[in-house]
Amino acid sequence: MTRVLVVDDEPQIVRALVINLKARKYEVDAAHDGASALELAAARHPDVVVLDLGLPDMDGVEVIKGLRGWTRVPIIVLSARHASDEKVEALDAGADDYVTKPFGMDELLARMRAAVRRAEPVAGEDDSVVATDSFTVDLAAKKVNRDGQDIRLTPTEWHLLEVLVRNAGRLVSQTQLLQEVWGPAYRTETNYLRVYLAQLRRKLETDPSHPRHFITEPGMGYRFEA
């Protein structure tokens, strides 16, 4: 069974989510503040986290950063904040998706399923290792190593990297990347690509401001060069 950690300080939202998720055979844990969320995540190891940003004891972005210090669990932000810079901040901190309140339960559940699916290993993947001058990508083990250290990537960062690496040397259009990584409903969300490519460059490029491996083709898409 898929275990969900719901983090929100609004009791009616927590109750609605718990009822709906349990009715669909999810196992659910709930936290009403950031400290409890981090403790529950460490103790219960959820498969996906649904997180409100406006918590009483800390900002949700701090919770995301705390989780990303040790886990790649998919994180879906659920927030009443509409400003694009706040969405980008949450995504930049390591969130995998962002749902704005008020939200439709069916949409949230679909995004949860997609996030969990992206995080799952794919059976029968080839075991090729792609090496560059500064990092290696092990497609089978879903690992990235740079200078002898494993690099933590979120599930979404990994999925984006994987699509680009499997198409090494070829231009992958913005639309194709958005569809493969986030799904058909996100075909126009090009800001997602800018945010996540910037994260990959920061983690993997020697000089992120002058990338050698993750190349932008303005207005068209991106290309990975080993």
C-alpha atoms as a PDB file:
ATOM      1  CA  MET A   1       0.000   0.000   0.000  1.00  0.00           C
ATOM      2  CA  THR A   2       1.115   3.550  -0.718  1.00  0.00           C
ATOM      3  CA  ARG A   3       1.756   5.593   2.428  1.00  0.00           C
ATOM      4  CA  VAL A   4       0.980   9.319   2.324  1.00  0.00           C
ATOM      5  CA  LEU A   5       2.129  11.960   4.794  1.00  0.00           C
ATOM      6  CA  VAL A   6      -0.309  14.897   4.876  1.00  0.00           C
ATOM      7  CA  VAL A   7       1.113  18.097   6.397  1.00  0.00           C
ATOM      8  CA  ASP A   8      -1.393  20.927   6.920  1.00  0.00           C
ATOM      9  CA  ASP A   9      -2.558  23.038   9.877  1.00  0.00           C
ATOM     10  CA  GLU A  10      -6.151  23.321   8.628  1.00  0.00           C
ATOM     11  CA  PRO A  11      -8.104  20.490  10.322  1.00  0.00           C
ATOM     12  CA  GLN A  12     -10.867  20.421   7.707  1.00  0.00           C
ATOM     13  CA  ILE A  13      -8.367  19.939   4.872  1.00  0.00           C
ATOM     14  CA  VAL A  14      -6.517  17.220   6.765  1.00  0.00           C
ATOM     15  CA  ARG A  15      -9.803  15.463   7.519  1.00  0.00           C
ATOM     16  CA  ALA A  16     -10.952  15.645   3.880  1.00  0.00           C
ATOM     17  CA  LEU A  17      -7.627  14.311   2.626  1.00  0.00           C
ATOM     18  CA  VAL A  18      -7.483  11.494   5.181  1.00  0.00           C
ATOM     19  CA  ILE A  19     -11.038  10.374   4.385  1.00  0.00           C
ATOM     20  CA  ASN A  20     -10.521  10.491   0.622  1.00  0.00           C
ATOM     21  CA  LEU A  21      -7.131   8.801   0.705  1.00  0.00           C
ATOM     22  CA  LYS A  22      -8.177   6.018   3.053  1.00  0.00           C
ATOM     23  CA  ALA A  23     -11.252   5.393   0.894  1.00  0.00           C
ATOM     24  CA  ARG A  24      -8.828   4.758  -1.973  1.00  0.00           C
ATOM     25  CA  LYS A  25      -6.748   2.321   0.106  1.00  0.00           C
ATOM     26  CA  TYR A  26      -3.875   4.646   0.921  1.00  0.00           C
ATOM     27  CA  GLU A  27      -2.204   4.500   4.316  1.00  0.00           C
ATOM     28  CA  VAL A  28      -2.203   8.012   5.761  1.00  0.00           C
ATOM     29  CA  ASP A  29      -0.228   9.838   8.450  1.00  0.00           C
ATOM     30  CA  ALA A  30      -1.010  13.470   9.296  1.00  0.00           C
ATOM     31  CA  ALA A  31       1.053  16.273  10.828  1.00  0.00           C
ATOM     32  CA  HIS A  32      -0.110  19.777  11.728  1.00  0.00           C
ATOM     33  CA  ASP A  33       3.289  21.489  11.865  1.00  0.00           C
ATOM     34  CA  GLY A  34       6.742  21.225  10.334  1.00  0.00           C
ATOM     35  CA  ALA A  35       8.543  19.627  13.259  1.00  0.00           C
ATOM     36  CA  SER A  36       5.974  16.840  13.517  1.00  0.00           C
ATOM     37  CA  ALA A  37       6.143  16.348   9.749  1.00  0.00           C
ATOM     38  CA  LEU A  38       9.904  15.814   9.806  1.00  0.00           C
ATOM     39  CA  GLU A  39       9.634  13.407  12.740  1.00  0.00           C
ATOM     40  CA  LEU A  40       6.833  11.410  11.090  1.00  0.00           C
ATOM     41  CA  ALA A  41       8.680  11.257   7.774  1.00  0.00           C
ATOM     42  CA  ALA A  42      11.754   9.813   9.495  1.00  0.00           C
ATOM     43  CA  ALA A  43       9.694   7.305  11.473  1.00  0.00           C
ATOM     44  CA  ARG A  44       7.162   6.206   8.837  1.00  0.00           C
ATOM     45  CA  HIS A  45       9.019   6.604   5.506  1.00  0.00           C
ATOM     46  CA  PRO A  46       6.067   7.758   3.371  1.00  0.00           C
ATOM     47  CA  ASP A  47       5.900   7.124  -0.382  1.00  0.00           C
ATOM     48  CA  VAL A  48       4.669  10.682  -1.038  1.00  0.00           C
ATOM     49  CA  VAL A  49       4.297  13.876   1.027  1.00  0.00           C
ATOM     50  CA  VAL A  50       1.461  16.387   0.565  1.00  0.00           C
ATOM     51  CA  LEU A  51       2.691  19.598   2.180  1.00  0.00           C
ATOM     52  CA  ASP A  52       1.131  22.978   2.967  1.00  0.00           C
ATOM     53  CA  LEU A  53       3.600  25.879   2.978  1.00  0.00           C
ATOM     54  CA  GLY A  54       1.855  27.950   5.648  1.00  0.00           C
ATOM     55  CA  LEU A  55       2.668  26.025   8.829  1.00  0.00           C
ATOM     56  CA  PRO A  56       2.557  27.456  12.376  1.00  0.00           C
ATOM     57  CA  ASP A  57       6.138  26.706  13.374  1.00  0.00           C
ATOM     58  CA  MET A  58       8.142  27.011  10.160  1.00  0.00           C
ATOM     59  CA  ASP A  59       7.749  27.730   6.471  1.00  0.00           C
ATOM     60  CA  GLY A  60       6.976  24.713   4.324  1.00  0.00           C
ATOM     61  CA  VAL A  61      10.082  25.412   2.240  1.00  0.00           C
ATOM     62  CA  GLU A  62      12.169  24.641   5.336  1.00  0.00           C
ATOM     63  CA  VAL A  63      10.361  21.325   5.650  1.00  0.00           C
ATOM     64  CA  ILE A  64      11.185  20.550   2.016  1.00  0.00           C
ATOM     65  CA  LYS A  65      14.849  21.338   2.636  1.00  0.00           C
ATOM     66  CA  GLY A  66      14.828  19.201   5.771  1.00  0.00           C
ATOM     67  CA  LEU A  67      13.393  16.243   3.880  1.00  0.00           C
ATOM     68  CA  ARG A  68      15.742  16.678   0.948  1.00  0.00           C
ATOM     69  CA  GLY A  69      18.682  16.366   3.313  1.00  0.00           C
ATOM     70  CA  TRP A  70      18.095  12.618   3.449  1.00  0.00           C
ATOM     71  CA  THR A  71      15.252  11.439   1.190  1.00  0.00           C
ATOM     72  CA  ARG A  72      14.045  11.658  -2.389  1.00  0.00           C
ATOM     73  CA  VAL A  73      10.405  11.020  -1.450  1.00  0.00           C
ATOM     74  CA  PRO A  74       8.061  12.878  -3.854  1.00  0.00           C
ATOM     75  CA  ILE A  75       6.764  16.111  -2.315  1.00  0.00           C
ATOM     76  CA  ILE A  76       3.588  17.783  -3.575  1.00  0.00           C
ATOM     77  CA  VAL A  77       3.086  21.294  -2.248  1.00  0.00           C
ATOM     78  CA  LEU A  78      -0.516  22.207  -1.443  1.00  0.00           C
ATOM     79  CA  SER A  79      -0.797  25.932  -0.801  1.00  0.00           C
ATOM     80  CA  ALA A  80      -2.986  29.009  -1.030  1.00  0.00           C
ATOM     81  CA  ARG A  81       0.020  31.028  -2.193  1.00  0.00           C
ATOM     82  CA  HIS A  82      -0.396  31.976  -5.845  1.00  0.00           C
ATOM     83  CA  ALA A  83       2.744  34.038  -6.523  1.00  0.00           C
ATOM     84  CA  SER A  84       4.981  32.412  -9.114  1.00  0.00           C
ATOM     85  CA  ASP A  85       8.157  33.264  -7.186  1.00  0.00           C
ATOM     86  CA  GLU A  86       6.874  31.302  -4.188  1.00  0.00           C
ATOM     87  CA  LYS A  87       6.102  28.328  -6.424  1.00  0.00           C
ATOM     88  CA  VAL A  88       9.584  28.522  -7.912  1.00  0.00           C
ATOM     89  CA  GLU A  89      11.120  28.729  -4.414  1.00  0.00           C
ATOM     90  CA  ALA A  90       9.302  25.559  -3.357  1.00  0.00           C
ATOM     91  CA  LEU A  91      10.268  23.716  -6.541  1.00  0.00           C
ATOM     92  CA  ASP A  92      13.828  24.965  -6.247  1.00  0.00           C
ATOM     93  CA  ALA A  93      14.010  23.643  -2.682  1.00  0.00           C
ATOM     94  CA  GLY A  94      13.129  20.168  -3.954  1.00  0.00           C
ATOM     95  CA  ALA A  95       9.346  19.922  -4.283  1.00  0.00           C
ATOM     96  CA  ASP A  96       8.122  17.795  -7.187  1.00  0.00           C
ATOM     97  CA  ASP A  97       4.792  19.481  -7.863  1.00  0.00           C
ATOM     98  CA  TYR A  98       2.630  22.399  -6.734  1.00  0.00           C
ATOM     99  CA  VAL A  99      -1.167  22.413  -6.325  1.00  0.00           C
ATOM    100  CA  THR A 100      -2.911  25.693  -5.510  1.00  0.00           C
ATOM    101  CA  LYS A 101      -5.807  25.869  -3.047  1.00  0.00           C
ATOM    102  CA  PRO A 102      -8.710  25.528  -3.547  1.00  0.00           C
ATOM    103  CA  PHE A 103      -7.998  22.249  -5.332  1.00  0.00           C
ATOM    104  CA  GLY A 104      -9.917  19.399  -6.890  1.00  0.00           C
ATOM    105  CA  MET A 105      -9.436  16.060  -5.149  1.00  0.00           C
ATOM    106  CA  ASP A 106      -9.262  14.151  -8.448  1.00  0.00           C
ATOM    107  CA  GLU A 107      -6.497  16.423  -9.731  1.00  0.00           C
ATOM    108  CA  LEU A 108      -4.507  16.101  -6.522  1.00  0.00           C
ATOM    109  CA  LEU A 109      -4.828  12.308  -6.563  1.00  0.00           C
ATOM    110  CA  ALA A 110      -3.729  12.191 -10.211  1.00  0.00           C
ATOM    111  CA  ARG A 111      -0.652  14.266  -9.418  1.00  0.00           C
ATOM    112  CA  MET A 112       0.119  12.047  -6.430  1.00  0.00           C
ATOM    113  CA  ARG A 113      -0.083   8.924  -8.583  1.00  0.00           C
ATOM    114  CA  ALA A 114       2.186  10.517 -11.197  1.00  0.00           C
ATOM    115  CA  ALA A 115       4.746  11.565  -8.578  1.00  0.00           C
ATOM    116  CA  VAL A 116       4.831   8.092  -7.028  1.00  0.00           C
ATOM    117  CA  ARG A 117       5.087   6.484 -10.465  1.00  0.00           C
ATOM    118  CA  ARG A 118       8.056   8.686 -11.391  1.00  0.00           C
ATOM    119  CA  ALA A 119       9.808   7.643  -8.195  1.00  0.00           C
ATOM    120  CA  GLU A 120       9.451   3.916  -8.810  1.00  0.00           C
ATOM    121  CA  PRO A 121      12.268   1.940 -10.438  1.00  0.00           C
ATOM    122  CA  VAL A 122      11.463   0.616 -13.878  1.00  0.00           C
ATOM    123  CA  ALA A 123      11.922  -3.126 -14.377  1.00  0.00           C
ATOM    124  CA  GLY A 124      14.242  -4.193 -17.148  1.00  0.00           C
ATOM    125  CA  GLU A 125      16.147  -0.945 -17.470  1.00  0.00           C
ATOM    126  CA  ASP A 126      19.459  -1.367 -19.204  1.00  0.00           C
ATOM    127  CA  ASP A 127      22.512  -1.146 -16.996  1.00  0.00           C
ATOM    128  CA  SER A 128      24.433   1.401 -19.006  1.00  0.00           C
ATOM    129  CA  VAL A 129      26.557   3.974 -17.241  1.00  0.00           C
ATOM    130  CA  VAL A 130      27.005   7.336 -18.957  1.00  0.00           C
ATOM    131  CA  ALA A 131      30.205   9.151 -18.006  1.00  0.00           C
ATOM    132  CA  THR A 132      31.180  12.770 -18.503  1.00  0.00           C
ATOM    133  CA  ASP A 133      34.372  14.521 -17.449  1.00  0.00           C
ATOM    134  CA  SER A 134      32.802  15.540 -14.130  1.00  0.00           C
ATOM    135  CA  PHE A 135      30.014  13.080 -13.263  1.00  0.00           C
ATOM    136  CA  THR A 136      28.593   9.652 -14.096  1.00  0.00           C
ATOM    137  CA  VAL A 137      24.967   8.575 -14.477  1.00  0.00           C
ATOM    138  CA  ASP A 138      24.051   4.960 -13.661  1.00  0.00           C
ATOM    139  CA  LEU A 139      20.688   4.464 -15.372  1.00  0.00           C
ATOM    140  CA  ALA A 140      20.034   1.051 -13.840  1.00  0.00           C
ATOM    141  CA  ALA A 141      20.874   1.990 -10.257  1.00  0.00           C
ATOM    142  CA  LYS A 142      19.318   5.459 -10.639  1.00  0.00           C
ATOM    143  CA  LYS A 143      22.436   7.052  -9.210  1.00  0.00           C
ATOM    144  CA  VAL A 144      24.562  10.026 -10.086  1.00  0.00           C
ATOM    145  CA  ASN A 145      28.138  10.328  -8.854  1.00  0.00           C
ATOM    146  CA  ARG A 146      30.283  13.445  -8.977  1.00  0.00           C
ATOM    147  CA  ASP A 147      33.879  13.561  -7.759  1.00  0.00           C
ATOM    148  CA  GLY A 148      33.408  10.290  -5.890  1.00  0.00           C
ATOM    149  CA  GLN A 149      30.261  11.449  -4.103  1.00  0.00           C
ATOM    150  CA  ASP A 150      26.692  10.337  -4.764  1.00  0.00           C
ATOM    151  CA  ILE A 151      24.537  13.328  -5.672  1.00  0.00           C
ATOM    152  CA  ARG A 152      21.021  13.463  -4.246  1.00  0.00           C
ATOM    153  CA  LEU A 153      18.382  14.168  -6.879  1.00  0.00           C
ATOM    154  CA  THR A 154      14.641  14.471  -6.374  1.00  0.00           C
ATOM    155  CA  PRO A 155      12.512  11.977  -8.329  1.00  0.00           C
ATOM    156  CA  THR A 156      11.561  14.723 -10.789  1.00  0.00           C
ATOM    157  CA  GLU A 157      15.181  15.818 -11.247  1.00  0.00           C
ATOM    158  CA  TRP A 158      16.139  12.206 -11.892  1.00  0.00           C
ATOM    159  CA  HIS A 159      13.337  11.681 -14.415  1.00  0.00           C
ATOM    160  CA  LEU A 160      14.331  14.817 -16.315  1.00  0.00           C
ATOM    161  CA  LEU A 161      17.996  13.793 -16.279  1.00  0.00           C
ATOM    162  CA  GLU A 162      17.108  10.286 -17.429  1.00  0.00           C
ATOM    163  CA  VAL A 163      15.089  11.507 -20.428  1.00  0.00           C
ATOM    164  CA  LEU A 164      17.930  13.790 -21.517  1.00  0.00           C
ATOM    165  CA  VAL A 165      20.667  11.181 -20.987  1.00  0.00           C
ATOM    166  CA  ARG A 166      18.748   8.503 -22.914  1.00  0.00           C
ATOM    167  CA  ASN A 167      18.535  10.992 -25.787  1.00  0.00           C
ATOM    168  CA  ALA A 168      22.177  12.090 -25.547  1.00  0.00           C
ATOM    169  CA  GLY A 169      23.231  14.345 -28.380  1.00  0.00           C
ATOM    170  CA  ARG A 170      19.658  14.865 -29.582  1.00  0.00           C
ATOM    171  CA  LEU A 171      17.461  17.898 -29.083  1.00  0.00           C
ATOM    172  CA  VAL A 172      14.531  17.058 -26.809  1.00  0.00           C
ATOM    173  CA  SER A 173      11.715  19.557 -27.252  1.00  0.00           C
ATOM    174  CA  GLN A 174      10.179  21.433 -24.345  1.00  0.00           C
ATOM    175  CA  THR A 175       6.830  19.778 -25.056  1.00  0.00           C
ATOM    176  CA  GLN A 176       8.327  16.282 -25.070  1.00  0.00           C
ATOM    177  CA  LEU A 177      10.143  16.856 -21.779  1.00  0.00           C
ATOM    178  CA  LEU A 178       7.076  18.308 -20.083  1.00  0.00           C
ATOM    179  CA  GLN A 179       4.881  15.436 -21.278  1.00  0.00           C
ATOM    180  CA  GLU A 180       7.338  12.704 -20.314  1.00  0.00           C
ATOM    181  CA  VAL A 181       8.274  14.112 -16.905  1.00  0.00           C
ATOM    182  CA  TRP A 182       5.100  15.851 -15.732  1.00  0.00           C
ATOM    183  CA  GLY A 183       2.356  14.597 -18.048  1.00  0.00           C
ATOM    184  CA  PRO A 184       0.174  15.971 -20.899  1.00  0.00           C
ATOM    185  CA  ALA A 185      -1.515  18.573 -18.688  1.00  0.00           C
ATOM    186  CA  TYR A 186       1.818  20.387 -18.271  1.00  0.00           C
ATOM    187  CA  ARG A 187       2.711  20.948 -21.937  1.00  0.00           C
ATOM    188  CA  THR A 188       2.877  24.734 -21.500  1.00  0.00           C
ATOM    189  CA  GLU A 189       4.593  24.893 -18.082  1.00  0.00           C
ATOM    190  CA  THR A 190       7.998  25.831 -19.493  1.00  0.00           C
ATOM    191  CA  ASN A 191       8.958  27.504 -16.218  1.00  0.00           C
ATOM    192  CA  TYR A 192       9.191  24.014 -14.672  1.00  0.00           C
ATOM    193  CA  LEU A 193      11.948  23.184 -17.142  1.00  0.00           C
ATOM    194  CA  ARG A 194      13.910  26.339 -16.366  1.00  0.00           C
ATOM    195  CA  VAL A 195      13.727  25.663 -12.631  1.00  0.00           C
ATOM    196  CA  TYR A 196      14.697  21.993 -12.819  1.00  0.00           C
ATOM    197  CA  LEU A 197      17.443  22.440 -15.426  1.00  0.00           C
ATOM    198  CA  ALA A 198      18.946  25.139 -13.211  1.00  0.00           C
ATOM    199  CA  GLN A 199      18.899  22.665 -10.301  1.00  0.00           C
ATOM    200  CA  LEU A 200      20.585  19.938 -12.363  1.00  0.00           C
ATOM    201  CA  ARG A 201      23.237  22.372 -13.541  1.00  0.00           C
ATOM    202  CA  ARG A 202      23.951  23.524  -9.999  1.00  0.00           C
ATOM    203  CA  LYS A 203      24.357  19.952  -8.829  1.00  0.00           C
ATOM    204  CA  LEU A 204      26.288  18.533 -11.781  1.00  0.00           C
ATOM    205  CA  GLU A 205      27.941  21.188 -13.949  1.00  0.00           C
ATOM    206  CA  THR A 206      31.433  22.427 -13.085  1.00  0.00           C
ATOM    207  CA  ASP A 207      30.342  25.936 -14.108  1.00  0.00           C
ATOM    208  CA  PRO A 208      26.530  26.114 -13.956  1.00  0.00           C
ATOM    209  CA  SER A 209      26.475  29.552 -15.613  1.00  0.00           C
ATOM    210  CA  HIS A 210      28.310  28.112 -18.632  1.00  0.00           C
ATOM    211  CA  PRO A 211      26.931  24.563 -18.905  1.00  0.00           C
ATOM    212  CA  ARG A 212      28.789  21.994 -20.992  1.00  0.00           C
ATOM    213  CA  HIS A 213      26.396  19.077 -20.597  1.00  0.00           C
ATOM    214  CA  PHE A 214      22.866  20.507 -20.272  1.00  0.00           C
ATOM    215  CA  ILE A 215      22.490  22.729 -23.297  1.00  0.00           C
ATOM    216  CA  THR A 216      19.548  25.056 -23.883  1.00  0.00           C
ATOM    217  CA  GLU A 217      18.317  25.490 -27.444  1.00  0.00           C
ATOM    218  CA  PRO A 218      16.364  28.745 -27.017  1.00  0.00           C
ATOM    219  CA  GLY A 219      12.685  28.403 -27.823  1.00  0.00           C
ATOM    220  CA  MET A 220      13.069  24.754 -28.792  1.00  0.00           C
ATOM    221  CA  GLY A 221      14.259  22.520 -25.984  1.00  0.00           C
ATOM    222  CA  TYR A 222      17.327  20.994 -24.343  1.00  0.00           C
ATOM    223  CA  ARG A 223      20.165  18.644 -25.252  1.00  0.00           C
ATOM    224  CA  PHE A 224      22.477  16.517 -23.124  1.00  0.00           C
ATOM    225  CA  GLU A 225      26.088  16.273 -24.277  1.00  0.00           C
ATOM    226  CA  ALA A 226      28.368  13.784 -22.566  1.00  0.00           C
END
